[in-house]
Amino acid sequence: MTNTDLVDCCLFETADADSALRERLERTRREEEYSKKKLQQQHEEAMEEQETAKKLLERKVSFILVQGFLISDARTEKRHARCGGSVA
């Protein structure tokens, strides 16, 4: 084997190694991009679920407050009725 043959052999091995590394790098980049998009989608879905839960909770609290005021008003009216007073 001559020096030229040895250099050619090394160049082919280096080119093959570079090609393999490039393929791995591209595959890794694609996987990273896929993972990034998937995480972004999961985050958006979680935020939507959280917003929906927040709105539902706000409606429940509002309902409870309204019910509390109605009960309080009814009790006040009963007290006034028992005492002979009138409610304005």
Foldseek 3Di string as FASTA:
>chain_A
DDPVVVVVVVVVVVVVVVVVVVVVVVVVVVVVVVVVVVVVVVVVVVVVVVVVVVVVVVVVVVVVVVVVVVVVVVVVCVVCVVVVHDDD
